[in-house]
């Protein structure tokens, strides 16, 4: 496990690549917010992915300032950290010392956060542009501005004549393709994920709470020094037809299916995997019929996720097969297809989501679905069919690494065939 720990050379290289892309101005990145839960209690802290990617620093209230063209070499990279406070440390633990911050990040110039404005005043005299890392996702809806947004507003007011640019697109481009050390971490996270899934398969039975099975997966993450990559979906029966069901509060009932969509995160790198198990340990005829349709779509999709092809191309190519499988299952007819509204295709009613997304520091990592896939990209393949009137929701998902000649399944040690699933749920002997 120690050999899988990222070293500072990884972060040094990432900063070097970024400053080669952004050759002028000053880049300012802030660590993630500490999120209040209630009273004086906070949610577990998780560092901003971009900030971690460039520094390796997990401590909150940290700031990275890059001024690549500064004549004073000590100004080119500055990491700001909280000044140690013995009273605070007595309650909340030790803060990084400057030497520790240097050892982790490879940034040689360390300052305390209280010095930021003084340093910015100096930087403002040698540059006309500040680059900020402000979230750009159209899906982002927050109740209050994030730290990068708040600080952008504050610094704009301090330096109204300066130009302000968005650096996130450059960082995201860098994160599209994974380096070998990143792949190693995702591979390890995938192994933990598979182990957690197998724990669930062996424990699954009628009358067991979904929450108990969630605990089995969390246990596997915890004992392997990992954490959950996202809120796991442990969805039995009709719950499996809710795509982002995370309440996990029902009881698994005899004769139903259990859809588990979960992933471990190891050193900030995620895995993502989905399997659908029969709660009784045996698929019914109809359940197996639907399952085999999803499996066929998965296999054909995975064959097409290759270098040079885009996710969008693959999804367009696979849509006729999805329609064909839906018809075999009796969900609609060819005549229904002929008369459907093109803007609301019938296939979306039973297979509403795409078949892939990028994966890395975030479970939905930056990436462009329209761009050709390249070796080193990591993504998922995850088709599904959901039939609410039958309480059947089935999804099969694996983590894939794009290689020179095709792809490699990083979660392939977790069975997909119905008889293999039944076998691990009820091992012989």
Protein backbone atom coordinates (compact mmCIF):
# COMPACT_ATOMS: atom_id res chain seq x y z
CA UNK A 1 0.00 0.00 0.00
CA UNK A 2 2.88 2.34 0.79
CA UNK A 3 4.17 2.02 -2.77
CA UNK A 4 0.85 3.34 -4.02
CA UNK A 5 1.16 6.59 -2.10
CA UNK A 6 1.66 9.51 -4.51
CA UNK A 7 4.92 11.39 -4.02
CA UNK A 8 5.60 15.07 -4.52
CA UNK A 9 7.12 14.54 -7.97
CA UNK A 10 3.61 13.83 -9.25
CA UNK A 11 2.37 17.20 -8.06
CA UNK A 12 5.51 19.05 -9.18
CA UNK A 13 5.01 17.69 -12.68
CA UNK A 14 1.32 18.68 -12.71
CA UNK A 15 2.15 22.27 -11.75
CA UNK A 16 4.88 22.41 -14.40
CA UNK A 17 2.46 21.26 -17.09
CA UNK A 18 -0.13 23.81 -15.99
CA UNK A 19 2.29 26.73 -16.08
CA UNK A 20 3.38 25.67 -19.56
CA UNK A 21 -0.24 26.01 -20.64
CA UNK A 22 -0.76 29.31 -18.79
CA UNK A 23 2.35 31.30 -19.59
CA UNK A 24 1.32 34.65 -18.21
CA UNK A 25 -0.47 36.09 -15.21
CA UNK A 26 -0.91 34.62 -11.74
CA UNK A 27 -2.88 31.46 -10.95
CA UNK A 28 -4.71 31.33 -7.62
CA UNK A 29 -6.38 28.18 -6.30
CA UNK A 30 -8.14 27.81 -2.97
CA UNK A 31 -8.77 24.64 -1.01
CA UNK A 32 -12.28 23.23 -0.54
CA UNK A 33 -14.76 24.73 1.87
CA UNK A 34 -15.29 23.14 5.26
CA UNK A 35 -19.02 22.36 5.20
CA UNK A 36 -21.07 22.99 8.32
CA UNK A 37 -23.50 20.19 9.20
CA UNK A 38 -25.24 21.81 12.16
CA UNK A 39 -24.32 23.48 15.45
CA UNK A 40 -20.56 23.13 15.74
CA UNK A 41 -20.40 19.91 13.69
CA UNK A 42 -18.90 19.71 10.20
CA UNK A 43 -19.16 17.16 7.41
CA UNK A 44 -15.99 15.09 6.87
CA UNK A 45 -13.54 17.24 4.94
CA UNK A 46 -12.51 16.32 1.44
CA UNK A 47 -10.03 18.43 -0.49
CA UNK A 48 -10.94 20.09 -3.80
CA UNK A 49 -9.82 17.65 -6.51
CA UNK A 50 -7.97 20.23 -8.62
CA UNK A 51 -6.18 21.59 -5.57
CA UNK A 52 -5.10 18.11 -4.54
CA UNK A 53 -4.00 17.34 -8.11
CA UNK A 54 -1.58 20.26 -8.03
CA UNK A 55 -0.36 20.08 -4.43
CA UNK A 56 -1.12 16.79 -2.68
CA UNK A 57 -2.24 18.94 0.28
CA UNK A 58 -5.32 17.69 2.12
CA UNK A 59 -5.45 20.44 4.76
CA UNK A 60 -8.26 22.98 4.61
CA UNK A 61 -7.67 26.75 4.40
CA UNK A 62 -4.75 26.29 2.01
CA UNK A 63 -3.98 28.40 -1.06
CA UNK A 64 -1.75 27.85 -4.09
CA UNK A 65 -0.30 30.83 -5.96
CA UNK A 66 1.62 30.30 -9.21
CA UNK A 67 3.41 33.17 -10.95
CA UNK A 68 5.48 31.39 -13.63
CA UNK A 69 7.08 34.50 -15.14
CA UNK A 70 8.18 36.15 -11.85
CA UNK A 71 11.85 37.17 -11.94
CA UNK A 72 12.10 36.34 -8.24
CA UNK A 73 12.11 32.53 -8.29
CA UNK A 74 10.68 32.36 -4.74
CA UNK A 75 7.53 34.01 -6.09
CA UNK A 76 6.87 31.48 -8.85
CA UNK A 77 5.28 28.90 -6.54
CA UNK A 78 3.88 29.80 -3.14
CA UNK A 79 1.79 27.54 -0.92
CA UNK A 80 -0.13 29.23 1.87
CA UNK A 81 -1.09 27.16 4.92
CA UNK A 82 -2.78 27.89 8.22
CA UNK A 83 -0.49 29.17 10.93
CA UNK A 84 -0.34 26.60 13.73
CA UNK A 85 -2.39 27.56 16.78
CA UNK A 86 -1.73 25.47 19.93
CA UNK A 87 -5.25 26.08 21.28
CA UNK A 88 -6.91 24.99 18.04
CA UNK A 89 -4.56 22.02 17.67
CA UNK A 90 -5.52 20.81 21.15
CA UNK A 91 -9.08 20.34 19.85
CA UNK A 92 -8.66 19.60 16.16
CA UNK A 93 -5.20 18.08 15.77
CA UNK A 94 -1.85 19.20 14.43
CA UNK A 95 -1.55 21.46 11.39
CA UNK A 96 1.10 21.09 8.73
CA UNK A 97 4.44 22.70 9.44
CA UNK A 98 6.19 24.49 6.55
CA UNK A 99 8.71 21.66 6.21
CA UNK A 100 5.91 19.08 6.07
CA UNK A 101 4.06 21.10 3.43
CA UNK A 102 7.26 21.26 1.34
CA UNK A 103 7.78 17.50 1.67
CA UNK A 104 4.23 16.73 0.48
CA UNK A 105 3.83 19.29 -2.29
CA UNK A 106 7.33 20.03 -3.54
CA UNK A 107 6.54 23.76 -3.28
CA UNK A 108 9.65 25.37 -1.75
CA UNK A 109 8.09 28.67 -0.70
CA UNK A 110 5.60 28.33 2.16
CA UNK A 111 3.71 31.24 3.69
CA UNK A 112 0.86 31.51 6.15
CA UNK A 113 -2.61 32.37 4.84
CA UNK A 114 -2.62 35.68 6.70
CA UNK A 115 0.15 36.84 4.34
CA UNK A 116 -1.89 36.33 1.15
CA UNK A 117 -3.01 39.91 0.61
CA UNK A 118 0.50 41.26 1.15
CA UNK A 119 1.92 38.85 -1.42
CA UNK A 120 -0.93 39.59 -3.86
CA UNK A 121 -0.09 43.28 -3.69
CA UNK A 122 3.42 42.44 -4.86
CA UNK A 123 2.11 40.10 -7.56
CA UNK A 124 -0.39 42.66 -8.84
CA UNK A 125 2.52 44.94 -9.72
CA UNK A 126 4.08 42.39 -12.09
CA UNK A 127 1.00 40.96 -13.79
CA UNK A 128 -2.22 42.19 -15.36
CA UNK A 129 -4.11 38.89 -15.15
CA UNK A 130 -5.35 36.65 -12.33
CA UNK A 131 -6.42 33.11 -13.18
CA UNK A 132 -9.07 31.53 -10.93
CA UNK A 133 -10.45 28.01 -10.72
CA UNK A 134 -14.18 28.68 -10.58
CA UNK A 135 -16.57 25.72 -11.08
CA UNK A 136 -18.13 25.69 -14.54
CA UNK A 137 -20.50 22.71 -14.49
CA UNK A 138 -24.01 23.52 -15.68
CA UNK A 139 -25.29 21.04 -13.07
CA UNK A 140 -23.74 22.98 -10.19
CA UNK A 141 -26.38 24.47 -7.94
CA UNK A 142 -25.20 25.71 -4.56
CA UNK A 143 -26.87 27.63 -1.79
CA UNK A 144 -23.89 29.90 -1.29
CA UNK A 145 -20.77 30.78 -3.32
CA UNK A 146 -17.83 28.39 -3.01
CA UNK A 147 -14.49 29.61 -1.70
CA UNK A 148 -12.97 30.15 -5.15
CA UNK A 149 -16.03 32.20 -6.10
CA UNK A 150 -15.97 34.25 -2.89
CA UNK A 151 -12.27 34.98 -3.19
CA UNK A 152 -12.62 35.92 -6.86
CA UNK A 153 -15.23 38.52 -5.91
CA UNK A 154 -13.06 39.84 -3.07
CA UNK A 155 -9.88 40.14 -5.17
CA UNK A 156 -11.80 41.70 -8.07
CA UNK A 157 -12.84 44.45 -5.69
CA UNK A 158 -9.23 44.91 -4.57
CA UNK A 159 -7.85 45.00 -8.14
CA UNK A 160 -10.69 46.15 -10.44
CA UNK A 161 -8.38 47.05 -13.33
CA UNK A 162 -6.86 43.59 -13.64
CA UNK A 163 -8.11 40.91 -16.03
CA UNK A 164 -9.64 37.71 -14.66
CA UNK A 165 -9.50 34.41 -16.52
CA UNK A 166 -10.75 30.85 -15.97
CA UNK A 167 -7.98 28.27 -15.45
CA UNK A 168 -10.23 25.26 -14.80
CA UNK A 169 -10.38 24.27 -18.48
CA UNK A 170 -6.59 23.77 -18.55
CA UNK A 171 -6.60 21.66 -15.39
CA UNK A 172 -9.48 19.59 -16.70
CA UNK A 173 -7.64 18.93 -19.95
CA UNK A 174 -4.68 17.67 -17.94
CA UNK A 175 -6.93 15.37 -15.95
CA UNK A 176 -8.49 13.72 -19.03
CA UNK A 177 -5.58 11.31 -19.44
CA UNK A 178 -4.19 9.48 -16.42
CA UNK A 179 -0.54 8.87 -15.66
CA UNK A 180 0.72 5.46 -14.55
CA UNK A 181 0.66 6.39 -10.86
CA UNK A 182 -2.95 7.53 -11.17
CA UNK A 183 -3.93 4.32 -12.93
CA UNK A 184 -2.26 2.31 -10.15
CA UNK A 185 -4.41 4.10 -7.56
CA UNK A 186 -7.61 3.55 -9.57
CA UNK A 187 -6.66 -0.10 -10.04
CA UNK A 188 -6.28 -0.49 -6.26
CA UNK A 189 -9.55 1.34 -5.61
CA UNK A 190 -11.18 -1.04 -8.09
CA UNK A 191 -9.84 -4.08 -6.23
CA UNK A 192 -11.32 -2.75 -2.98
CA UNK A 193 -14.62 -2.12 -4.76
CA UNK A 194 -14.76 -5.69 -6.04
CA UNK A 195 -14.04 -7.04 -2.56
CA UNK A 196 -16.83 -4.89 -1.13
CA UNK A 197 -19.28 -6.09 -3.78
CA UNK A 198 -18.44 -9.71 -3.01
CA UNK A 199 -19.07 -9.07 0.69
CA UNK A 200 -22.54 -7.79 -0.20
CA UNK A 201 -23.24 -10.77 -2.46
CA UNK A 202 -22.41 -13.22 0.34
CA UNK A 203 -24.51 -11.34 2.91
CA UNK A 204 -27.52 -10.63 0.70
CA UNK A 205 -30.69 -12.49 1.67
CA UNK A 206 -34.40 -11.84 2.17
CA UNK A 207 -35.33 -9.57 5.10
CA UNK A 208 -31.87 -7.97 5.39
CA UNK A 209 -31.90 -4.14 5.47
CA UNK A 210 -30.27 -2.30 2.59
CA UNK A 211 -28.40 -0.26 5.21
CA UNK A 212 -26.74 -3.43 6.54
CA UNK A 213 -25.40 -4.19 3.09
CA UNK A 214 -24.17 -0.63 2.72
CA UNK A 215 -22.26 -1.15 5.98
CA UNK A 216 -20.57 -4.24 4.50
CA UNK A 217 -19.21 -2.18 1.62
CA UNK A 218 -18.12 0.62 3.94
CA UNK A 219 -16.34 -1.95 6.12
CA UNK A 220 -14.29 -3.17 3.14
CA UNK A 221 -13.32 0.40 2.27
CA UNK A 222 -12.35 1.25 5.83
CA UNK A 223 -10.14 -1.77 6.48
CA UNK A 224 -8.26 -0.99 3.25
CA UNK A 225 -7.59 2.67 4.14
CA UNK A 226 -10.10 3.87 1.57
CA UNK A 227 -13.34 5.81 1.70
CA UNK A 228 -16.53 5.91 -0.30
CA UNK A 229 -16.09 7.53 -3.71
CA UNK A 230 -19.76 8.57 -3.64
CA UNK A 231 -22.94 7.83 -1.73
CA UNK A 232 -23.54 4.14 -2.54
CA UNK A 233 -26.76 2.96 -4.15
CA UNK A 234 -28.07 -0.16 -2.39
CA UNK A 235 -31.43 -0.45 -4.12
CA UNK A 236 -33.76 -3.42 -3.73
CA UNK A 237 -36.99 -4.05 -5.62
CA UNK A 238 -38.66 -0.92 -6.98
CA UNK A 239 -35.87 1.26 -5.55
CA UNK A 240 -33.58 0.03 -8.34
CA UNK A 241 -35.71 1.98 -10.81
CA UNK A 242 -34.69 5.24 -9.13
CA UNK A 243 -31.35 5.94 -10.76
CA UNK A 244 -29.79 7.88 -7.88
CA UNK A 245 -31.49 6.13 -4.97
CA UNK A 246 -29.21 6.59 -1.93
CA UNK A 247 -31.56 6.39 1.06
CA UNK A 248 -30.81 2.66 1.47
CA UNK A 249 -33.52 2.30 4.11
CA UNK A 250 -35.72 -0.52 2.82
CA UNK A 251 -35.72 -4.22 3.59
CA UNK A 252 -34.66 -6.63 0.85
CA UNK A 253 -37.65 -8.78 -0.03
CA UNK A 254 -37.76 -12.34 -1.30
CA UNK A 255 -38.12 -12.60 -5.06
CA UNK A 256 -36.73 -9.10 -5.71
CA UNK A 257 -33.48 -7.84 -7.18
CA UNK A 258 -30.76 -5.81 -5.48
CA UNK A 259 -28.87 -3.21 -7.52
CA UNK A 260 -25.59 -2.06 -5.97
CA UNK A 261 -23.76 0.91 -7.47
CA UNK A 262 -20.72 1.73 -5.35
CA UNK A 263 -17.06 2.59 -5.47
CA UNK A 264 -14.04 2.97 -3.24
CA UNK A 265 -11.80 6.03 -3.27
CA UNK A 266 -8.12 5.43 -2.56
CA UNK A 267 -5.82 8.44 -2.22
CA UNK A 268 -8.53 10.56 -3.86
CA UNK A 269 -8.89 8.27 -6.90
CA UNK A 270 -12.23 6.60 -7.48
CA UNK A 271 -13.58 3.35 -8.82
CA UNK A 272 -17.17 2.77 -9.91
CA UNK A 273 -18.96 -0.53 -10.34
CA UNK A 274 -22.54 -1.83 -10.47
CA UNK A 275 -23.96 -5.31 -10.16
CA UNK A 276 -27.49 -6.59 -9.80
CA UNK A 277 -28.05 -9.59 -7.51
CA UNK A 278 -31.16 -11.69 -6.89
CA UNK A 279 -32.04 -11.29 -3.22
CA UNK A 280 -32.91 -15.02 -2.98
CA UNK A 281 -29.63 -15.97 -4.65
CA UNK A 282 -31.40 -17.20 -7.79
CA UNK A 283 -32.75 -15.21 -10.72
CA UNK A 284 -36.33 -15.77 -11.81
CA UNK A 285 -36.92 -16.45 -15.50
CA UNK A 286 -38.03 -12.89 -16.22
CA UNK A 287 -35.22 -11.37 -14.15
CA UNK A 288 -32.65 -13.42 -16.03
CA UNK A 289 -34.21 -12.46 -19.36
CA UNK A 290 -33.86 -8.75 -18.61
CA UNK A 291 -30.41 -9.27 -17.09
CA UNK A 292 -29.12 -11.02 -20.23
CA UNK A 293 -30.41 -8.12 -22.35
CA UNK A 294 -28.43 -5.65 -20.22
CA UNK A 295 -25.39 -7.93 -20.38
CA UNK A 296 -25.56 -8.05 -24.17
CA UNK A 297 -25.77 -4.26 -24.37
CA UNK A 298 -22.83 -4.00 -21.96
CA UNK A 299 -20.66 -6.37 -23.98
CA UNK A 300 -21.39 -4.64 -27.26
CA UNK A 301 -20.80 -1.21 -25.72
CA UNK A 302 -17.51 -2.24 -24.10
CA UNK A 303 -16.26 -3.59 -27.44
CA UNK A 304 -16.73 -0.13 -28.94
CA UNK A 305 -15.08 1.96 -26.22
CA UNK A 306 -11.76 2.08 -28.03
CA UNK A 307 -9.02 4.61 -28.86
CA UNK A 308 -10.17 6.99 -31.58
CA UNK A 309 -13.88 6.63 -30.85
CA UNK A 310 -15.87 9.03 -28.70
CA UNK A 311 -18.41 8.17 -26.02
CA UNK A 312 -21.03 10.00 -28.08
CA UNK A 313 -20.29 7.83 -31.13
CA UNK A 314 -20.59 4.65 -29.09
CA UNK A 315 -23.89 5.73 -27.53
CA UNK A 316 -25.31 6.49 -30.99
CA UNK A 317 -24.10 3.15 -32.33
CA UNK A 318 -25.54 1.19 -29.43
CA UNK A 319 -29.00 2.84 -29.36
CA UNK A 320 -30.47 0.52 -32.09
CA UNK A 321 -29.36 -2.51 -30.06
CA UNK A 322 -31.02 -1.08 -26.96
CA UNK A 323 -34.25 -0.65 -28.94
CA UNK A 324 -33.96 -4.21 -30.25
CA UNK A 325 -33.50 -5.65 -26.74
CA UNK A 326 -36.40 -3.60 -25.41
CA UNK A 327 -38.62 -5.06 -28.14
CA UNK A 328 -37.52 -8.61 -27.31
CA UNK A 329 -38.54 -7.92 -23.71
CA UNK A 330 -41.98 -6.77 -24.87
CA UNK A 331 -41.55 -3.17 -23.72
CA UNK A 332 -42.72 -1.77 -27.08
CA UNK A 333 -43.06 -2.77 -30.74
CA UNK A 334 -41.54 -1.77 -34.08
CA UNK A 335 -44.73 0.14 -34.82
CA UNK A 336 -44.26 2.08 -31.59
CA UNK A 337 -40.73 2.97 -32.74
CA UNK A 338 -42.02 4.16 -36.10
CA UNK A 339 -44.51 6.52 -34.48
CA UNK A 340 -42.37 7.74 -31.59
CA UNK A 341 -41.48 11.37 -30.96
CA UNK A 342 -37.81 11.68 -32.09
CA UNK A 343 -37.14 14.19 -29.31
CA UNK A 344 -38.46 11.71 -26.72
CA UNK A 345 -37.37 8.25 -27.93
CA UNK A 346 -39.07 5.26 -26.33
CA UNK A 347 -35.73 3.71 -25.48
CA UNK A 348 -35.08 6.55 -23.03
CA UNK A 349 -38.15 5.49 -21.07
CA UNK A 350 -36.48 2.21 -20.04
CA UNK A 351 -32.78 3.09 -20.53
CA UNK A 352 -32.67 6.80 -19.66
CA UNK A 353 -28.96 7.34 -18.98
CA UNK A 354 -25.83 7.17 -21.09
CA UNK A 355 -23.56 4.16 -21.16
CA UNK A 356 -20.34 5.80 -19.96
CA UNK A 357 -18.69 8.61 -18.02
CA UNK A 358 -15.09 9.55 -17.19
CA UNK A 359 -13.53 8.54 -13.88
CA UNK A 360 -10.55 9.68 -11.82
CA UNK A 361 -10.21 12.09 -8.92
CA UNK A 362 -13.98 12.44 -9.15
CA UNK A 363 -16.44 9.67 -9.90
CA UNK A 364 -17.72 11.91 -12.73
CA UNK A 365 -14.33 13.19 -13.82
CA UNK A 366 -13.73 15.95 -16.39
CA UNK A 367 -13.91 14.82 -19.98
CA UNK A 368 -15.57 15.57 -23.30
CA UNK A 369 -17.94 12.93 -24.64
CA UNK A 370 -17.46 14.25 -28.17
CA UNK A 371 -13.66 13.87 -28.23
CA UNK A 372 -11.90 10.67 -29.37
CA UNK A 373 -10.83 8.38 -26.53
CA UNK A 374 -7.08 8.11 -25.88
CA UNK A 375 -4.87 5.56 -24.09
CA UNK A 376 -4.69 6.46 -20.40
CA UNK A 377 -8.30 7.60 -20.13
CA UNK A 378 -10.39 5.85 -17.49
CA UNK A 379 -14.14 5.57 -17.82
CA UNK A 380 -17.12 3.39 -17.06
CA UNK A 381 -19.38 1.21 -19.17
CA UNK A 382 -22.81 1.06 -17.52
CA UNK A 383 -25.95 0.26 -19.52
CA UNK A 384 -29.19 -0.43 -17.71
CA UNK A 385 -32.82 -1.36 -18.20
CA UNK A 386 -35.47 -0.22 -15.74
CA UNK A 387 -39.08 -1.49 -15.77
CA UNK A 388 -40.95 0.18 -12.89
CA UNK A 389 -44.23 -1.71 -13.44
CA UNK A 390 -42.33 -4.98 -12.84
CA UNK A 391 -40.11 -3.66 -10.03
CA UNK A 392 -37.11 -4.61 -12.15
CA UNK A 393 -34.08 -2.34 -12.35
CA UNK A 394 -30.85 -3.83 -13.71
CA UNK A 395 -27.53 -2.12 -14.37
CA UNK A 396 -24.11 -3.61 -15.08
CA UNK A 397 -21.09 -1.34 -14.73
CA UNK A 398 -17.34 -1.74 -14.87
CA UNK A 399 -14.34 0.58 -14.68
CA UNK A 400 -12.37 0.55 -17.95
CA UNK A 401 -8.88 1.76 -18.84
CA UNK A 402 -8.37 2.76 -22.48
CA UNK A 403 -5.18 1.14 -23.82
CA UNK A 404 -3.24 1.36 -27.08
CA UNK A 405 -5.15 -1.54 -28.60
CA UNK A 406 -8.51 -1.44 -26.82
CA UNK A 407 -9.51 -1.34 -23.19
CA UNK A 408 -8.84 -3.18 -19.96
CA UNK A 409 -11.57 -3.87 -17.41
CA UNK A 410 -10.25 -2.96 -13.94
CA UNK A 411 -13.20 -4.58 -12.15
CA UNK A 412 -13.23 -7.79 -14.22
CA UNK A 413 -12.72 -10.07 -11.20
CA UNK A 414 -16.33 -9.42 -10.18
CA UNK A 415 -18.58 -11.89 -12.03
CA UNK A 416 -21.19 -10.69 -14.49
CA UNK A 417 -22.74 -13.94 -15.78
CA UNK A 418 -25.97 -14.91 -13.97
CA UNK A 419 -24.73 -18.39 -12.99
CA UNK A 420 -21.46 -16.93 -11.67
CA UNK A 421 -23.37 -14.39 -9.58
CA UNK A 422 -25.56 -17.15 -8.17
CA UNK A 423 -22.43 -19.15 -7.41
CA UNK A 424 -20.76 -16.44 -5.30
CA UNK A 425 -24.02 -15.86 -3.45
CA UNK A 426 -24.39 -19.56 -2.69
CA UNK A 427 -20.91 -21.06 -2.90
CA UNK A 428 -20.78 -24.87 -3.19
CA UNK A 429 -19.43 -26.78 -0.24
